[in-house]
Amino acid sequence: MNLSVFVYYRVAGVQDAAIRERVGAIQEDVYADTGVRGRLLRRRDDPTTWMEVYEPVRDAESFERSLDAAL
């Protein structure tokens, strides 16, 4: 079964470009390890709330280990 993984967090006091750069590097590491490409989104009504979406995730445990390692 394929899963979707959603990661929510708040970031304050950091430029959007810096967030995108840092998260982009993490997502590239995860993609290289798992083949799952992440998407980065930000809430329209709260610019401090960000979300990453990863799908389809086939092996949740392996994916979580990869994400932890990338962080």
PDB file of N, CA and C in Angstrom:
ATOM      1  N   MET A   1       0.831  -1.176   0.000  1.00  0.00           N
ATOM      2  CA  MET A   1       0.000   0.000   0.000  1.00  0.00           C
ATOM      3  C   MET A   1       0.883   1.250   0.000  1.00  0.00           C
ATOM      4  N   ASN A   2       0.548   2.210  -0.830  1.00  0.00           N
ATOM      5  CA  ASN A   2       1.277   3.463  -0.881  1.00  0.00           C
ATOM      6  C   ASN A   2       0.720   4.448   0.138  1.00  0.00           C
ATOM      7  N   LEU A   3       1.618   5.195   0.755  1.00  0.00           N
ATOM      8  CA  LEU A   3       1.240   6.180   1.759  1.00  0.00           C
ATOM      9  C   LEU A   3       1.659   7.569   1.314  1.00  0.00           C
ATOM     10  N   SER A   4       1.056   8.561   1.927  1.00  0.00           N
ATOM     11  CA  SER A   4       1.492   9.951   1.793  1.00  0.00           C
ATOM     12  C   SER A   4       2.024  10.382   3.147  1.00  0.00           C
ATOM     13  N   VAL A   5       3.166  11.031   3.152  1.00  0.00           N
ATOM     14  CA  VAL A   5       3.769  11.519   4.389  1.00  0.00           C
ATOM     15  C   VAL A   5       3.719  13.044   4.366  1.00  0.00           C
ATOM     16  N   PHE A   6       3.134  13.616   5.421  1.00  0.00           N
ATOM     17  CA  PHE A   6       3.016  15.062   5.564  1.00  0.00           C
ATOM     18  C   PHE A   6       3.841  15.492   6.771  1.00  0.00           C
ATOM     19  N   VAL A   7       4.705  16.480   6.587  1.00  0.00           N
ATOM     20  CA  VAL A   7       5.539  16.991   7.668  1.00  0.00           C
ATOM     21  C   VAL A   7       5.231  18.482   7.814  1.00  0.00           C
ATOM     22  N   TYR A   8       4.650  18.854   8.955  1.00  0.00           N
ATOM     23  CA  TYR A   8       4.299  20.250   9.216  1.00  0.00           C
ATOM     24  C   TYR A   8       5.280  20.842  10.216  1.00  0.00           C
ATOM     25  N   TYR A   9       5.594  22.121  10.050  1.00  0.00           N
ATOM     26  CA  TYR A   9       6.418  22.803  11.035  1.00  0.00           C
ATOM     27  C   TYR A   9       6.286  24.309  10.868  1.00  0.00           C
ATOM     28  N   ARG A  10       6.715  25.028  11.895  1.00  0.00           N
ATOM     29  CA  ARG A  10       6.721  26.493  11.856  1.00  0.00           C
ATOM     30  C   ARG A  10       8.155  26.976  11.853  1.00  0.00           C
ATOM     31  N   VAL A  11       8.390  27.998  11.046  1.00  0.00           N
ATOM     32  CA  VAL A  11       9.705  28.621  10.963  1.00  0.00           C
ATOM     33  C   VAL A  11       9.487  30.124  11.003  1.00  0.00           C
ATOM     34  N   ALA A  12      10.071  30.784  11.982  1.00  0.00           N
ATOM     35  CA  ALA A  12       9.936  32.235  12.094  1.00  0.00           C
ATOM     36  C   ALA A  12      11.316  32.877  12.051  1.00  0.00           C
ATOM     37  N   GLY A  13      11.377  34.042  11.461  1.00  0.00           N
ATOM     38  CA  GLY A  13      12.625  34.795  11.451  1.00  0.00           C
ATOM     39  C   GLY A  13      13.662  34.305  10.457  1.00  0.00           C
ATOM     40  N   VAL A  14      13.250  33.515   9.481  1.00  0.00           N
ATOM     41  CA  VAL A  14      14.176  33.010   8.464  1.00  0.00           C
ATOM     42  C   VAL A  14      13.601  33.383   7.099  1.00  0.00           C
ATOM     43  N   GLN A  15      14.442  33.852   6.229  1.00  0.00           N
ATOM     44  CA  GLN A  15      14.011  34.223   4.878  1.00  0.00           C
ATOM     45  C   GLN A  15      13.489  33.000   4.128  1.00  0.00           C
ATOM     46  N   ASP A  16      12.441  33.216   3.315  1.00  0.00           N
ATOM     47  CA  ASP A  16      11.866  32.125   2.523  1.00  0.00           C
ATOM     48  C   ASP A  16      12.912  31.424   1.676  1.00  0.00           C
ATOM     49  N   ALA A  17      13.804  32.192   1.071  1.00  0.00           N
ATOM     50  CA  ALA A  17      14.825  31.598   0.200  1.00  0.00           C
ATOM     51  C   ALA A  17      15.727  30.644   0.985  1.00  0.00           C
ATOM     52  N   ALA A  18      16.057  30.999   2.212  1.00  0.00           N
ATOM     53  CA  ALA A  18      16.906  30.137   3.039  1.00  0.00           C
ATOM     54  C   ALA A  18      16.178  28.847   3.405  1.00  0.00           C
ATOM     55  N   ILE A  19      14.898  28.964   3.716  1.00  0.00           N
ATOM     56  CA  ILE A  19      14.108  27.767   4.033  1.00  0.00           C
ATOM     57  C   ILE A  19      14.055  26.849   2.819  1.00  0.00           C
ATOM     58  N   ARG A  20      13.737  27.429   1.664  1.00  0.00           N
ATOM     59  CA  ARG A  20      13.636  26.631   0.438  1.00  0.00           C
ATOM     60  C   ARG A  20      14.963  25.948   0.103  1.00  0.00           C
ATOM     61  N   GLU A  21      16.055  26.644   0.325  1.00  0.00           N
ATOM     62  CA  GLU A  21      17.369  26.059   0.045  1.00  0.00           C
ATOM     63  C   GLU A  21      17.671  24.891   0.980  1.00  0.00           C
ATOM     64  N   ARG A  22      17.443  25.094   2.265  1.00  0.00           N
ATOM     65  CA  ARG A  22      17.727  24.042   3.252  1.00  0.00           C
ATOM     66  C   ARG A  22      16.829  22.822   3.047  1.00  0.00           C
ATOM     67  N   VAL A  23      15.545  23.081   2.888  1.00  0.00           N
ATOM     68  CA  VAL A  23      14.609  21.967   2.707  1.00  0.00           C
ATOM     69  C   VAL A  23      14.871  21.282   1.369  1.00  0.00           C
ATOM     70  N   GLY A  24      15.201  22.046   0.350  1.00  0.00           N
ATOM     71  CA  GLY A  24      15.512  21.458  -0.955  1.00  0.00           C
ATOM     72  C   GLY A  24      16.671  20.475  -0.873  1.00  0.00           C
ATOM     73  N   ALA A  25      17.694  20.823  -0.103  1.00  0.00           N
ATOM     74  CA  ALA A  25      18.843  19.922   0.056  1.00  0.00           C
ATOM     75  C   ALA A  25      18.420  18.638   0.769  1.00  0.00           C
ATOM     76  N   ILE A  26      17.586  18.772   1.793  1.00  0.00           N
ATOM     77  CA  ILE A  26      17.081  17.589   2.502  1.00  0.00           C
ATOM     78  C   ILE A  26      16.260  16.726   1.557  1.00  0.00           C
ATOM     79  N   GLN A  27      15.379  17.352   0.795  1.00  0.00           N
ATOM     80  CA  GLN A  27      14.521  16.599  -0.121  1.00  0.00           C
ATOM     81  C   GLN A  27      15.335  15.901  -1.201  1.00  0.00           C
ATOM     82  N   GLU A  28      16.416  16.511  -1.659  1.00  0.00           N
ATOM     83  CA  GLU A  28      17.273  15.852  -2.650  1.00  0.00           C
ATOM     84  C   GLU A  28      17.939  14.618  -2.058  1.00  0.00           C
ATOM     85  N   ASP A  29      18.388  14.708  -0.805  1.00  0.00           N
ATOM     86  CA  ASP A  29      18.983  13.543  -0.133  1.00  0.00           C
ATOM     87  C   ASP A  29      17.965  12.413  -0.005  1.00  0.00           C
ATOM     88  N   VAL A  30      16.751  12.770   0.393  1.00  0.00           N
ATOM     89  CA  VAL A  30      15.695  11.762   0.551  1.00  0.00           C
ATOM     90  C   VAL A  30      15.363  11.141  -0.808  1.00  0.00           C
ATOM     91  N   TYR A  31      15.275  11.952  -1.834  1.00  0.00           N
ATOM     92  CA  TYR A  31      14.967  11.449  -3.176  1.00  0.00           C
ATOM     93  C   TYR A  31      16.066  10.499  -3.659  1.00  0.00           C
ATOM     94  N   ALA A  32      17.313  10.872  -3.437  1.00  0.00           N
ATOM     95  CA  ALA A  32      18.427  10.014  -3.865  1.00  0.00           C
ATOM     96  C   ALA A  32      18.389   8.664  -3.162  1.00  0.00           C
ATOM     97  N   ASP A  33      17.933   8.658  -1.915  1.00  0.00           N
ATOM     98  CA  ASP A  33      17.910   7.431  -1.127  1.00  0.00           C
ATOM     99  C   ASP A  33      16.649   6.589  -1.353  1.00  0.00           C
ATOM    100  N   THR A  34      15.510   7.242  -1.607  1.00  0.00           N
ATOM    101  CA  THR A  34      14.235   6.513  -1.648  1.00  0.00           C
ATOM    102  C   THR A  34      13.516   6.555  -2.994  1.00  0.00           C
ATOM    103  N   GLY A  35      13.870   7.524  -3.845  1.00  0.00           N
ATOM    104  CA  GLY A  35      13.145   7.699  -5.106  1.00  0.00           C
ATOM    105  C   GLY A  35      11.835   8.441  -4.929  1.00  0.00           C
ATOM    106  N   VAL A  36      11.583   8.954  -3.723  1.00  0.00           N
ATOM    107  CA  VAL A  36      10.354   9.698  -3.441  1.00  0.00           C
ATOM    108  C   VAL A  36      10.696  11.186  -3.437  1.00  0.00           C
ATOM    109  N   ARG A  37      10.063  11.927  -4.321  1.00  0.00           N
ATOM    110  CA  ARG A  37      10.313  13.363  -4.414  1.00  0.00           C
ATOM    111  C   ARG A  37       9.339  14.113  -3.509  1.00  0.00           C
ATOM    112  N   GLY A  38       9.879  15.041  -2.724  1.00  0.00           N
ATOM    113  CA  GLY A  38       9.067  15.833  -1.819  1.00  0.00           C
ATOM    114  C   GLY A  38       8.635  17.153  -2.444  1.00  0.00           C
ATOM    115  N   ARG A  39       7.541  17.689  -1.924  1.00  0.00           N
ATOM    116  CA  ARG A  39       7.062  19.015  -2.316  1.00  0.00           C
ATOM    117  C   ARG A  39       7.038  19.890  -1.076  1.00  0.00           C
ATOM    118  N   LEU A  40       7.398  21.155  -1.229  1.00  0.00           N
ATOM    119  CA  LEU A  40       7.390  22.102  -0.121  1.00  0.00           C
ATOM    120  C   LEU A  40       6.275  23.105  -0.346  1.00  0.00           C
ATOM    121  N   LEU A  41       5.438  23.277   0.672  1.00  0.00           N
ATOM    122  CA  LEU A  41       4.316  24.203   0.606  1.00  0.00           C
ATOM    123  C   LEU A  41       4.330  25.112   1.830  1.00  0.00           C
ATOM    124  N   ARG A  42       3.701  26.271   1.689  1.00  0.00           N
ATOM    125  CA  ARG A  42       3.583  27.191   2.816  1.00  0.00           C
ATOM    126  C   ARG A  42       2.138  27.645   2.919  1.00  0.00           C
ATOM    127  N   ARG A  43       1.645  27.782   4.140  1.00  0.00           N
ATOM    128  CA  ARG A  43       0.267  28.253   4.327  1.00  0.00           C
ATOM    129  C   ARG A  43       0.114  29.667   3.806  1.00  0.00           C
ATOM    130  N   ARG A  44      -0.949  29.892   3.105  1.00  0.00           N
ATOM    131  CA  ARG A  44      -1.231  31.211   2.542  1.00  0.00           C
ATOM    132  C   ARG A  44      -1.569  32.217   3.636  1.00  0.00           C
ATOM    133  N   ASP A  45      -2.294  31.771   4.659  1.00  0.00           N
ATOM    134  CA  ASP A  45      -2.736  32.684   5.707  1.00  0.00           C
ATOM    135  C   ASP A  45      -1.815  32.723   6.927  1.00  0.00           C
ATOM    136  N   ASP A  46      -0.723  31.963   6.890  1.00  0.00           N
ATOM    137  CA  ASP A  46       0.258  31.977   7.980  1.00  0.00           C
ATOM    138  C   ASP A  46       1.625  31.641   7.392  1.00  0.00           C
ATOM    139  N   PRO A  47       2.405  32.649   7.037  1.00  0.00           N
ATOM    140  CA  PRO A  47       3.679  32.400   6.359  1.00  0.00           C
ATOM    141  C   PRO A  47       4.740  31.708   7.204  1.00  0.00           C
ATOM    142  N   THR A  48       4.458  31.467   8.487  1.00  0.00           N
ATOM    143  CA  THR A  48       5.425  30.740   9.312  1.00  0.00           C
ATOM    144  C   THR A  48       5.182  29.239   9.299  1.00  0.00           C
ATOM    145  N   THR A  49       4.049  28.790   8.742  1.00  0.00           N
ATOM    146  CA  THR A  49       3.719  27.365   8.717  1.00  0.00           C
ATOM    147  C   THR A  49       4.046  26.777   7.347  1.00  0.00           C
ATOM    148  N   TRP A  50       4.901  25.772   7.369  1.00  0.00           N
ATOM    149  CA  TRP A  50       5.350  25.093   6.154  1.00  0.00           C
ATOM    150  C   TRP A  50       4.948  23.627   6.221  1.00  0.00           C
ATOM    151  N   MET A  51       4.878  22.988   5.070  1.00  0.00           N
ATOM    152  CA  MET A  51       4.533  21.578   5.008  1.00  0.00           C
ATOM    153  C   MET A  51       5.310  20.934   3.867  1.00  0.00           C
ATOM    154  N   GLU A  52       5.819  19.750   4.137  1.00  0.00           N
ATOM    155  CA  GLU A  52       6.420  18.925   3.094  1.00  0.00           C
ATOM    156  C   GLU A  52       5.494  17.749   2.852  1.00  0.00           C
ATOM    157  N   VAL A  53       5.356  17.377   1.592  1.00  0.00           N
ATOM    158  CA  VAL A  53       4.531  16.236   1.208  1.00  0.00           C
ATOM    159  C   VAL A  53       5.412  15.281   0.425  1.00  0.00           C
ATOM    160  N   TYR A  54       5.396  14.024   0.833  1.00  0.00           N
ATOM    161  CA  TYR A  54       6.149  12.981   0.136  1.00  0.00           C
ATOM    162  C   TYR A  54       5.174  11.890  -0.271  1.00  0.00           C
ATOM    163  N   GLU A  55       5.159  11.560  -1.569  1.00  0.00           N
ATOM    164  CA  GLU A  55       4.286  10.488  -2.045  1.00  0.00           C
ATOM    165  C   GLU A  55       4.708  10.016  -3.421  1.00  0.00           C
ATOM    166  N   PRO A  56       4.481   8.794  -3.753  1.00  0.00           N
ATOM    167  CA  PRO A  56       3.974   7.717  -2.904  1.00  0.00           C
ATOM    168  C   PRO A  56       5.115   7.076  -2.106  1.00  0.00           C
ATOM    169  N   VAL A  57       4.847   6.810  -0.856  1.00  0.00           N
ATOM    170  CA  VAL A  57       5.808   6.138   0.022  1.00  0.00           C
ATOM    171  C   VAL A  57       5.357   4.691   0.151  1.00  0.00           C
ATOM    172  N   ARG A  58       6.212   3.783  -0.266  1.00  0.00           N
ATOM    173  CA  ARG A  58       5.855   2.356  -0.249  1.00  0.00           C
ATOM    174  C   ARG A  58       6.259   1.664   1.059  1.00  0.00           C
ATOM    175  N   ASP A  59       7.364   2.118   1.645  1.00  0.00           N
ATOM    176  CA  ASP A  59       7.878   1.504   2.873  1.00  0.00           C
ATOM    177  C   ASP A  59       8.076   2.617   3.904  1.00  0.00           C
ATOM    178  N   ALA A  60       7.120   2.784   4.800  1.00  0.00           N
ATOM    179  CA  ALA A  60       7.132   3.902   5.747  1.00  0.00           C
ATOM    180  C   ALA A  60       8.353   3.866   6.665  1.00  0.00           C
ATOM    181  N   GLU A  61       8.718   2.704   7.166  1.00  0.00           N
ATOM    182  CA  GLU A  61       9.854   2.610   8.085  1.00  0.00           C
ATOM    183  C   GLU A  61      11.152   3.009   7.412  1.00  0.00           C
ATOM    184  N   SER A  62      11.382   2.505   6.220  1.00  0.00           N
ATOM    185  CA  SER A  62      12.590   2.841   5.470  1.00  0.00           C
ATOM    186  C   SER A  62      12.609   4.329   5.115  1.00  0.00           C
ATOM    187  N   PHE A  63      11.453   4.851   4.726  1.00  0.00           N
ATOM    188  CA  PHE A  63      11.373   6.261   4.388  1.00  0.00           C
ATOM    189  C   PHE A  63      11.689   7.128   5.602  1.00  0.00           C
ATOM    190  N   GLU A  64      11.129   6.805   6.749  1.00  0.00           N
ATOM    191  CA  GLU A  64      11.381   7.581   7.966  1.00  0.00           C
ATOM    192  C   GLU A  64      12.849   7.548   8.340  1.00  0.00           C
ATOM    193  N   ARG A  65      13.509   6.413   8.190  1.00  0.00           N
ATOM    194  CA  ARG A  65      14.940   6.340   8.471  1.00  0.00           C
ATOM    195  C   ARG A  65      15.716   7.255   7.532  1.00  0.00           C
ATOM    196  N   SER A  66      15.338   7.258   6.259  1.00  0.00           N
ATOM    197  CA  SER A  66      16.006   8.118   5.291  1.00  0.00           C
ATOM    198  C   SER A  66      15.799   9.594   5.614  1.00  0.00           C
ATOM    199  N   LEU A  67      14.574   9.969   5.955  1.00  0.00           N
ATOM    200  CA  LEU A  67      14.280  11.355   6.307  1.00  0.00           C
ATOM    201  C   LEU A  67      15.051  11.766   7.566  1.00  0.00           C
ATOM    202  N   ASP A  68      15.071  10.909   8.565  1.00  0.00           N
ATOM    203  CA  ASP A  68      15.839  11.202   9.797  1.00  0.00           C
ATOM    204  C   ASP A  68      17.315  11.408   9.484  1.00  0.00           C
ATOM    205  N   ALA A  69      17.868  10.566   8.634  1.00  0.00           N
ATOM    206  CA  ALA A  69      19.279  10.667   8.278  1.00  0.00           C
ATOM    207  C   ALA A  69      19.561  11.984   7.530  1.00  0.00           C
ATOM    208  N   ALA A  70      18.641  12.386   6.678  1.00  0.00           N
ATOM    209  CA  ALA A  70      18.814  13.616   5.903  1.00  0.00           C
ATOM    210  C   ALA A  70      18.741  14.856   6.796  1.00  0.00           C
ATOM    211  N   LEU A  71      17.948  14.760   7.864  1.00  0.00           N
ATOM    212  CA  LEU A  71      17.830  15.896   8.781  1.00  0.00           C
ATOM    213  C   LEU A  71      19.091  16.057   9.589  1.00  0.00           C
TER     214      LEU A  71
END
